Amino acid sequence: MGEMKLFEFSANITCAAVVAAKTEEAAREAIKTWERAWFETGDFQQVNDVDLVDIREIKDSEMDSLHDLAHEVVA
């Protein structure tokens, strides 16, 4: 794979989620516990305000575990 680095980005991600409930209050209460489920189960809308916040060198001993270190591995 050559010399790889870990590039960490920060971004605002917009997702839409539909909740079936009897009241808006009940629906809002339900989504309070979702945490990252918005991105995992909602409809992806957009990504904006992307900033590079860190670049980390990868040790040779870490090359076999890239999928544990990064969310995405680009060869």
PDB file of N, CA and C in Angstrom:
ATOM      1  N   MET A   1       0.811  -1.210   0.000  1.00  0.00           N
ATOM      2  CA  MET A   1       0.000   0.000   0.000  1.00  0.00           C
ATOM      3  C   MET A   1       0.846   1.263   0.000  1.00  0.00           C
ATOM      4  N   GLY A   2       2.109   1.148   0.230  1.00  0.00           N
ATOM      5  CA  GLY A   2       2.944   2.333   0.266  1.00  0.00           C
ATOM      6  C   GLY A   2       2.815   3.045   1.595  1.00  0.00           C
ATOM      7  N   GLU A   3       3.346   4.258   1.662  1.00  0.00           N
ATOM      8  CA  GLU A   3       3.283   5.012   2.903  1.00  0.00           C
ATOM      9  C   GLU A   3       1.896   5.605   3.086  1.00  0.00           C
ATOM     10  N   MET A   4       1.226   5.165   4.122  1.00  0.00           N
ATOM     11  CA  MET A   4      -0.132   5.632   4.397  1.00  0.00           C
ATOM     12  C   MET A   4      -0.103   6.552   5.609  1.00  0.00           C
ATOM     13  N   LYS A   5      -1.063   7.454   5.676  1.00  0.00           N
ATOM     14  CA  LYS A   5      -1.270   8.329   6.822  1.00  0.00           C
ATOM     15  C   LYS A   5      -2.744   8.291   7.173  1.00  0.00           C
ATOM     16  N   LEU A   6      -3.070   8.647   8.404  1.00  0.00           N
ATOM     17  CA  LEU A   6      -4.466   8.772   8.819  1.00  0.00           C
ATOM     18  C   LEU A   6      -4.851  10.242   8.726  1.00  0.00           C
ATOM     19  N   PHE A   7      -5.826  10.566   7.898  1.00  0.00           N
ATOM     20  CA  PHE A   7      -6.332  11.920   7.748  1.00  0.00           C
ATOM     21  C   PHE A   7      -7.672  11.994   8.463  1.00  0.00           C
ATOM     22  N   GLU A   8      -7.762  12.812   9.489  1.00  0.00           N
ATOM     23  CA  GLU A   8      -9.004  12.928  10.258  1.00  0.00           C
ATOM     24  C   GLU A   8      -9.734  14.201   9.854  1.00  0.00           C
ATOM     25  N   PHE A   9     -11.000  14.043   9.466  1.00  0.00           N
ATOM     26  CA  PHE A   9     -11.814  15.165   9.033  1.00  0.00           C
ATOM     27  C   PHE A   9     -12.962  15.400  10.010  1.00  0.00           C
ATOM     28  N   SER A  10     -13.371  16.632  10.112  1.00  0.00           N
ATOM     29  CA  SER A  10     -14.562  17.004  10.863  1.00  0.00           C
ATOM     30  C   SER A  10     -15.539  17.597   9.862  1.00  0.00           C
ATOM     31  N   ALA A  11     -16.808  17.181   9.932  1.00  0.00           N
ATOM     32  CA  ALA A  11     -17.795  17.676   8.971  1.00  0.00           C
ATOM     33  C   ALA A  11     -19.160  17.746   9.625  1.00  0.00           C
ATOM     34  N   ASN A  12     -19.960  18.658   9.149  1.00  0.00           N
ATOM     35  CA  ASN A  12     -21.366  18.702   9.536  1.00  0.00           C
ATOM     36  C   ASN A  12     -22.126  17.813   8.567  1.00  0.00           C
ATOM     37  N   ILE A  13     -22.810  16.813   9.099  1.00  0.00           N
ATOM     38  CA  ILE A  13     -23.553  15.872   8.273  1.00  0.00           C
ATOM     39  C   ILE A  13     -25.038  16.062   8.546  1.00  0.00           C
ATOM     40  N   THR A  14     -25.797  16.197   7.474  1.00  0.00           N
ATOM     41  CA  THR A  14     -27.234  16.376   7.601  1.00  0.00           C
ATOM     42  C   THR A  14     -27.933  15.097   7.175  1.00  0.00           C
ATOM     43  N   CYS A  15     -28.769  14.584   8.061  1.00  0.00           N
ATOM     44  CA  CYS A  15     -29.559  13.395   7.778  1.00  0.00           C
ATOM     45  C   CYS A  15     -31.023  13.718   8.074  1.00  0.00           C
ATOM     46  N   ALA A  16     -31.904  13.012   7.429  1.00  0.00           N
ATOM     47  CA  ALA A  16     -33.330  13.149   7.704  1.00  0.00           C
ATOM     48  C   ALA A  16     -33.839  11.809   8.205  1.00  0.00           C
ATOM     49  N   ALA A  17     -34.667  11.848   9.211  1.00  0.00           N
ATOM     50  CA  ALA A  17     -35.243  10.620   9.756  1.00  0.00           C
ATOM     51  C   ALA A  17     -36.738  10.825   9.922  1.00  0.00           C
ATOM     52  N   VAL A  18     -37.503   9.796   9.635  1.00  0.00           N
ATOM     53  CA  VAL A  18     -38.954   9.847   9.754  1.00  0.00           C
ATOM     54  C   VAL A  18     -39.353   8.995  10.960  1.00  0.00           C
ATOM     55  N   VAL A  19     -40.128   9.574  11.868  1.00  0.00           N
ATOM     56  CA  VAL A  19     -40.582   8.871  13.062  1.00  0.00           C
ATOM     57  C   VAL A  19     -42.103   8.825  13.054  1.00  0.00           C
ATOM     58  N   ALA A  20     -42.667   7.651  13.186  1.00  0.00           N
ATOM     59  CA  ALA A  20     -44.117   7.511  13.298  1.00  0.00           C
ATOM     60  C   ALA A  20     -44.478   7.585  14.783  1.00  0.00           C
ATOM     61  N   ALA A  21     -45.298   8.542  15.150  1.00  0.00           N
ATOM     62  CA  ALA A  21     -45.697   8.729  16.549  1.00  0.00           C
ATOM     63  C   ALA A  21     -47.031   9.448  16.586  1.00  0.00           C
ATOM     64  N   LYS A  22     -47.678   9.434  17.734  1.00  0.00           N
ATOM     65  CA  LYS A  22     -48.964  10.120  17.866  1.00  0.00           C
ATOM     66  C   LYS A  22     -48.794  11.622  18.031  1.00  0.00           C
ATOM     67  N   THR A  23     -47.676  12.047  18.637  1.00  0.00           N
ATOM     68  CA  THR A  23     -47.455  13.477  18.831  1.00  0.00           C
ATOM     69  C   THR A  23     -46.017  13.836  18.470  1.00  0.00           C
ATOM     70  N   GLU A  24     -45.792  15.111  18.170  1.00  0.00           N
ATOM     71  CA  GLU A  24     -44.442  15.590  17.897  1.00  0.00           C
ATOM     72  C   GLU A  24     -43.559  15.388  19.126  1.00  0.00           C
ATOM     73  N   GLU A  25     -44.128  15.635  20.308  1.00  0.00           N
ATOM     74  CA  GLU A  25     -43.365  15.473  21.544  1.00  0.00           C
ATOM     75  C   GLU A  25     -42.856  14.036  21.689  1.00  0.00           C
ATOM     76  N   ALA A  26     -43.714  13.073  21.397  1.00  0.00           N
ATOM     77  CA  ALA A  26     -43.320  11.663  21.486  1.00  0.00           C
ATOM     78  C   ALA A  26     -42.233  11.342  20.457  1.00  0.00           C
ATOM     79  N   ALA A  27     -42.370  11.892  19.264  1.00  0.00           N
ATOM     80  CA  ALA A  27     -41.377  11.660  18.218  1.00  0.00           C
ATOM     81  C   ALA A  27     -40.029  12.261  18.608  1.00  0.00           C
ATOM     82  N   ARG A  28     -40.045  13.486  19.124  1.00  0.00           N
ATOM     83  CA  ARG A  28     -38.798  14.136  19.556  1.00  0.00           C
ATOM     84  C   ARG A  28     -38.146  13.370  20.702  1.00  0.00           C
ATOM     85  N   GLU A  29     -38.935  12.860  21.608  1.00  0.00           N
ATOM     86  CA  GLU A  29     -38.406  12.087  22.727  1.00  0.00           C
ATOM     87  C   GLU A  29     -37.730  10.813  22.221  1.00  0.00           C
ATOM     88  N   ALA A  30     -38.319  10.191  21.216  1.00  0.00           N
ATOM     89  CA  ALA A  30     -37.754   8.958  20.671  1.00  0.00           C
ATOM     90  C   ALA A  30     -36.379   9.177  20.057  1.00  0.00           C
ATOM     91  N   ILE A  31     -36.177  10.292  19.370  1.00  0.00           N
ATOM     92  CA  ILE A  31     -34.900  10.502  18.684  1.00  0.00           C
ATOM     93  C   ILE A  31     -33.790  10.964  19.619  1.00  0.00           C
ATOM     94  N   LYS A  32     -34.106  11.333  20.841  1.00  0.00           N
ATOM     95  CA  LYS A  32     -33.064  11.754  21.787  1.00  0.00           C
ATOM     96  C   LYS A  32     -32.070  10.635  22.076  1.00  0.00           C
ATOM     97  N   THR A  33     -32.467   9.401  21.951  1.00  0.00           N
ATOM     98  CA  THR A  33     -31.600   8.267  22.280  1.00  0.00           C
ATOM     99  C   THR A  33     -30.866   7.711  21.067  1.00  0.00           C
ATOM    100  N   TRP A  34     -31.055   8.285  19.924  1.00  0.00           N
ATOM    101  CA  TRP A  34     -30.481   7.713  18.705  1.00  0.00           C
ATOM    102  C   TRP A  34     -28.979   7.862  18.584  1.00  0.00           C
ATOM    103  N   GLU A  35     -28.402   8.918  19.087  1.00  0.00           N
ATOM    104  CA  GLU A  35     -26.982   9.220  18.960  1.00  0.00           C
ATOM    105  C   GLU A  35     -26.543   9.069  17.512  1.00  0.00           C
ATOM    106  N   ARG A  36     -25.692   8.090  17.185  1.00  0.00           N
ATOM    107  CA  ARG A  36     -25.202   8.018  15.813  1.00  0.00           C
ATOM    108  C   ARG A  36     -26.168   7.320  14.861  1.00  0.00           C
ATOM    109  N   ALA A  37     -27.301   6.894  15.337  1.00  0.00           N
ATOM    110  CA  ALA A  37     -28.269   6.239  14.461  1.00  0.00           C
ATOM    111  C   ALA A  37     -28.774   7.175  13.362  1.00  0.00           C
ATOM    112  N   TRP A  38     -28.685   8.468  13.569  1.00  0.00           N
ATOM    113  CA  TRP A  38     -29.093   9.404  12.513  1.00  0.00           C
ATOM    114  C   TRP A  38     -28.360   9.081  11.225  1.00  0.00           C
ATOM    115  N   PHE A  39     -27.060   8.940  11.324  1.00  0.00           N
ATOM    116  CA  PHE A  39     -26.267   8.689  10.121  1.00  0.00           C
ATOM    117  C   PHE A  39     -26.452   7.260   9.634  1.00  0.00           C
ATOM    118  N   GLU A  40     -26.600   6.316  10.553  1.00  0.00           N
ATOM    119  CA  GLU A  40     -26.677   4.911  10.175  1.00  0.00           C
ATOM    120  C   GLU A  40     -28.040   4.517   9.612  1.00  0.00           C
ATOM    121  N   THR A  41     -29.117   5.154  10.084  1.00  0.00           N
ATOM    122  CA  THR A  41     -30.439   4.722   9.649  1.00  0.00           C
ATOM    123  C   THR A  41     -31.245   5.805   8.949  1.00  0.00           C
ATOM    124  N   GLY A  42     -30.837   7.046   9.039  1.00  0.00           N
ATOM    125  CA  GLY A  42     -31.585   8.126   8.400  1.00  0.00           C
ATOM    126  C   GLY A  42     -31.252   8.224   6.921  1.00  0.00           C
ATOM    127  N   ASP A  43     -31.956   9.092   6.216  1.00  0.00           N
ATOM    128  CA  ASP A  43     -31.669   9.354   4.814  1.00  0.00           C
ATOM    129  C   ASP A  43     -30.583  10.413   4.738  1.00  0.00           C
ATOM    130  N   PHE A  44     -29.481  10.074   4.128  1.00  0.00           N
ATOM    131  CA  PHE A  44     -28.349  10.986   4.008  1.00  0.00           C
ATOM    132  C   PHE A  44     -28.742  12.174   3.136  1.00  0.00           C
ATOM    133  N   GLN A  45     -28.463  13.371   3.601  1.00  0.00           N
ATOM    134  CA  GLN A  45     -28.820  14.579   2.867  1.00  0.00           C
ATOM    135  C   GLN A  45     -27.605  15.301   2.288  1.00  0.00           C
ATOM    136  N   GLN A  46     -26.637  15.635   3.127  1.00  0.00           N
ATOM    137  CA  GLN A  46     -25.482  16.385   2.635  1.00  0.00           C
ATOM    138  C   GLN A  46     -24.344  16.386   3.658  1.00  0.00           C
ATOM    139  N   VAL A  47     -23.167  16.740   3.172  1.00  0.00           N
ATOM    140  CA  VAL A  47     -22.007  16.970   4.032  1.00  0.00           C
ATOM    141  C   VAL A  47     -21.505  18.364   3.702  1.00  0.00           C
ATOM    142  N   ASN A  48     -21.242  19.162   4.740  1.00  0.00           N
ATOM    143  CA  ASN A  48     -20.684  20.488   4.494  1.00  0.00           C
ATOM    144  C   ASN A  48     -19.730  20.869   5.611  1.00  0.00           C
ATOM    145  N   ASP A  49     -19.049  21.971   5.443  1.00  0.00           N
ATOM    146  CA  ASP A  49     -18.073  22.471   6.413  1.00  0.00           C
ATOM    147  C   ASP A  49     -17.059  21.398   6.789  1.00  0.00           C
ATOM    148  N   VAL A  50     -16.421  20.799   5.774  1.00  0.00           N
ATOM    149  CA  VAL A  50     -15.442  19.743   6.015  1.00  0.00           C
ATOM    150  C   VAL A  50     -14.086  20.382   6.304  1.00  0.00           C
ATOM    151  N   ASP A  51     -13.491  20.009   7.419  1.00  0.00           N
ATOM    152  CA  ASP A  51     -12.183  20.521   7.808  1.00  0.00           C
ATOM    153  C   ASP A  51     -11.256  19.358   8.133  1.00  0.00           C
ATOM    154  N   LEU A  52     -10.009  19.455   7.705  1.00  0.00           N
ATOM    155  CA  LEU A  52      -8.994  18.486   8.089  1.00  0.00           C
ATOM    156  C   LEU A  52      -8.489  18.889   9.468  1.00  0.00           C
ATOM    157  N   VAL A  53      -8.630  18.009  10.449  1.00  0.00           N
ATOM    158  CA  VAL A  53      -8.267  18.378  11.825  1.00  0.00           C
ATOM    159  C   VAL A  53      -7.007  17.686  12.320  1.00  0.00           C
ATOM    160  N   ASP A  54      -6.556  16.625  11.645  1.00  0.00           N
ATOM    161  CA  ASP A  54      -5.354  15.938  12.107  1.00  0.00           C
ATOM    162  C   ASP A  54      -4.834  15.011  11.022  1.00  0.00           C
ATOM    163  N   ILE A  55      -3.526  14.849  10.973  1.00  0.00           N
ATOM    164  CA  ILE A  55      -2.881  13.862  10.113  1.00  0.00           C
ATOM    165  C   ILE A  55      -1.932  13.080  11.006  1.00  0.00           C
ATOM    166  N   ARG A  56      -2.061  11.743  11.005  1.00  0.00           N
ATOM    167  CA  ARG A  56      -1.214  10.913  11.846  1.00  0.00           C
ATOM    168  C   ARG A  56      -0.450   9.903  10.985  1.00  0.00           C
ATOM    169  N   GLU A  57       0.826   9.750  11.279  1.00  0.00           N
ATOM    170  CA  GLU A  57       1.652   8.752  10.610  1.00  0.00           C
ATOM    171  C   GLU A  57       1.206   7.367  11.070  1.00  0.00           C
ATOM    172  N   ILE A  58       1.323   6.390  10.196  1.00  0.00           N
ATOM    173  CA  ILE A  58       0.982   5.009  10.525  1.00  0.00           C
ATOM    174  C   ILE A  58       2.285   4.228  10.656  1.00  0.00           C
ATOM    175  N   LYS A  59       2.425   3.521  11.757  1.00  0.00           N
ATOM    176  CA  LYS A  59       3.606   2.686  11.973  1.00  0.00           C
ATOM    177  C   LYS A  59       3.509   1.447  11.086  1.00  0.00           C
ATOM    178  N   ASP A  60       4.649   0.917  10.693  1.00  0.00           N
ATOM    179  CA  ASP A  60       4.662  -0.300   9.880  1.00  0.00           C
ATOM    180  C   ASP A  60       3.890  -1.425  10.564  1.00  0.00           C
ATOM    181  N   SER A  61       3.973  -1.495  11.885  1.00  0.00           N
ATOM    182  CA  SER A  61       3.297  -2.559  12.634  1.00  0.00           C
ATOM    183  C   SER A  61       1.773  -2.403  12.620  1.00  0.00           C
ATOM    184  N   GLU A  62       1.266  -1.238  12.224  1.00  0.00           N
ATOM    185  CA  GLU A  62      -0.172  -0.983  12.190  1.00  0.00           C
ATOM    186  C   GLU A  62      -0.803  -1.234  10.819  1.00  0.00           C
ATOM    187  N   MET A  63       0.016  -1.493   9.809  1.00  0.00           N
ATOM    188  CA  MET A  63      -0.493  -1.613   8.442  1.00  0.00           C
ATOM    189  C   MET A  63      -1.520  -2.738   8.300  1.00  0.00           C
ATOM    190  N   ASP A  64      -1.372  -3.814   9.051  1.00  0.00           N
ATOM    191  CA  ASP A  64      -2.318  -4.924   8.948  1.00  0.00           C
ATOM    192  C   ASP A  64      -3.656  -4.623   9.614  1.00  0.00           C
ATOM    193  N   SER A  65      -3.721  -3.564  10.410  1.00  0.00           N
ATOM    194  CA  SER A  65      -4.966  -3.243  11.112  1.00  0.00           C
ATOM    195  C   SER A  65      -5.547  -1.899  10.673  1.00  0.00           C
ATOM    196  N   LEU A  66      -5.327  -1.527   9.431  1.00  0.00           N
ATOM    197  CA  LEU A  66      -5.835  -0.243   8.931  1.00  0.00           C
ATOM    198  C   LEU A  66      -7.346  -0.115   9.072  1.00  0.00           C
ATOM    199  N   HIS A  67      -8.060  -1.213   8.864  1.00  0.00           N
ATOM    200  CA  HIS A  67      -9.524  -1.159   8.947  1.00  0.00           C
ATOM    201  C   HIS A  67      -9.995  -0.945  10.386  1.00  0.00           C
ATOM    202  N   ASP A  68      -9.147  -1.202  11.355  1.00  0.00           N
ATOM    203  CA  ASP A  68      -9.468  -0.901  12.749  1.00  0.00           C
ATOM    204  C   ASP A  68      -9.131   0.546  13.088  1.00  0.00           C
ATOM    205  N   LEU A  69      -8.173   1.121  12.382  1.00  0.00           N
ATOM    206  CA  LEU A  69      -7.714   2.479  12.657  1.00  0.00           C
ATOM    207  C   LEU A  69      -8.522   3.543  11.911  1.00  0.00           C
ATOM    208  N   ALA A  70      -9.068   3.174  10.751  1.00  0.00           N
ATOM    209  CA  ALA A  70      -9.731   4.153   9.892  1.00  0.00           C
ATOM    210  C   ALA A  70     -11.129   3.709   9.513  1.00  0.00           C
ATOM    211  N   HIS A  71     -12.024   4.656   9.300  1.00  0.00           N
ATOM    212  CA  HIS A  71     -13.370   4.350   8.846  1.00  0.00           C
ATOM    213  C   HIS A  71     -13.380   3.967   7.363  1.00  0.00           C
ATOM    214  N   GLU A  72     -12.432   4.502   6.616  1.00  0.00           N
ATOM    215  CA  GLU A  72     -12.327   4.262   5.175  1.00  0.00           C
ATOM    216  C   GLU A  72     -10.867   4.062   4.856  1.00  0.00           C
ATOM    217  N   VAL A  73     -10.540   3.045   4.050  1.00  0.00           N
ATOM    218  CA  VAL A  73      -9.168   2.814   3.611  1.00  0.00           C
ATOM    219  C   VAL A  73      -9.140   2.950   2.102  1.00  0.00           C
ATOM    220  N   VAL A  74      -8.330   3.886   1.601  1.00  0.00           N
ATOM    221  CA  VAL A  74      -8.225   4.137   0.176  1.00  0.00           C
ATOM    222  C   VAL A  74      -6.859   3.620  -0.284  1.00  0.00           C
ATOM    223  N   ALA A  75      -6.868   2.620  -1.151  1.00  0.00           N
ATOM    224  CA  ALA A  75      -5.610   2.009  -1.613  1.00  0.00           C
ATOM    225  C   ALA A  75      -5.003   2.821  -2.725  1.00  0.00           C
TER     226      ALA A  75
END
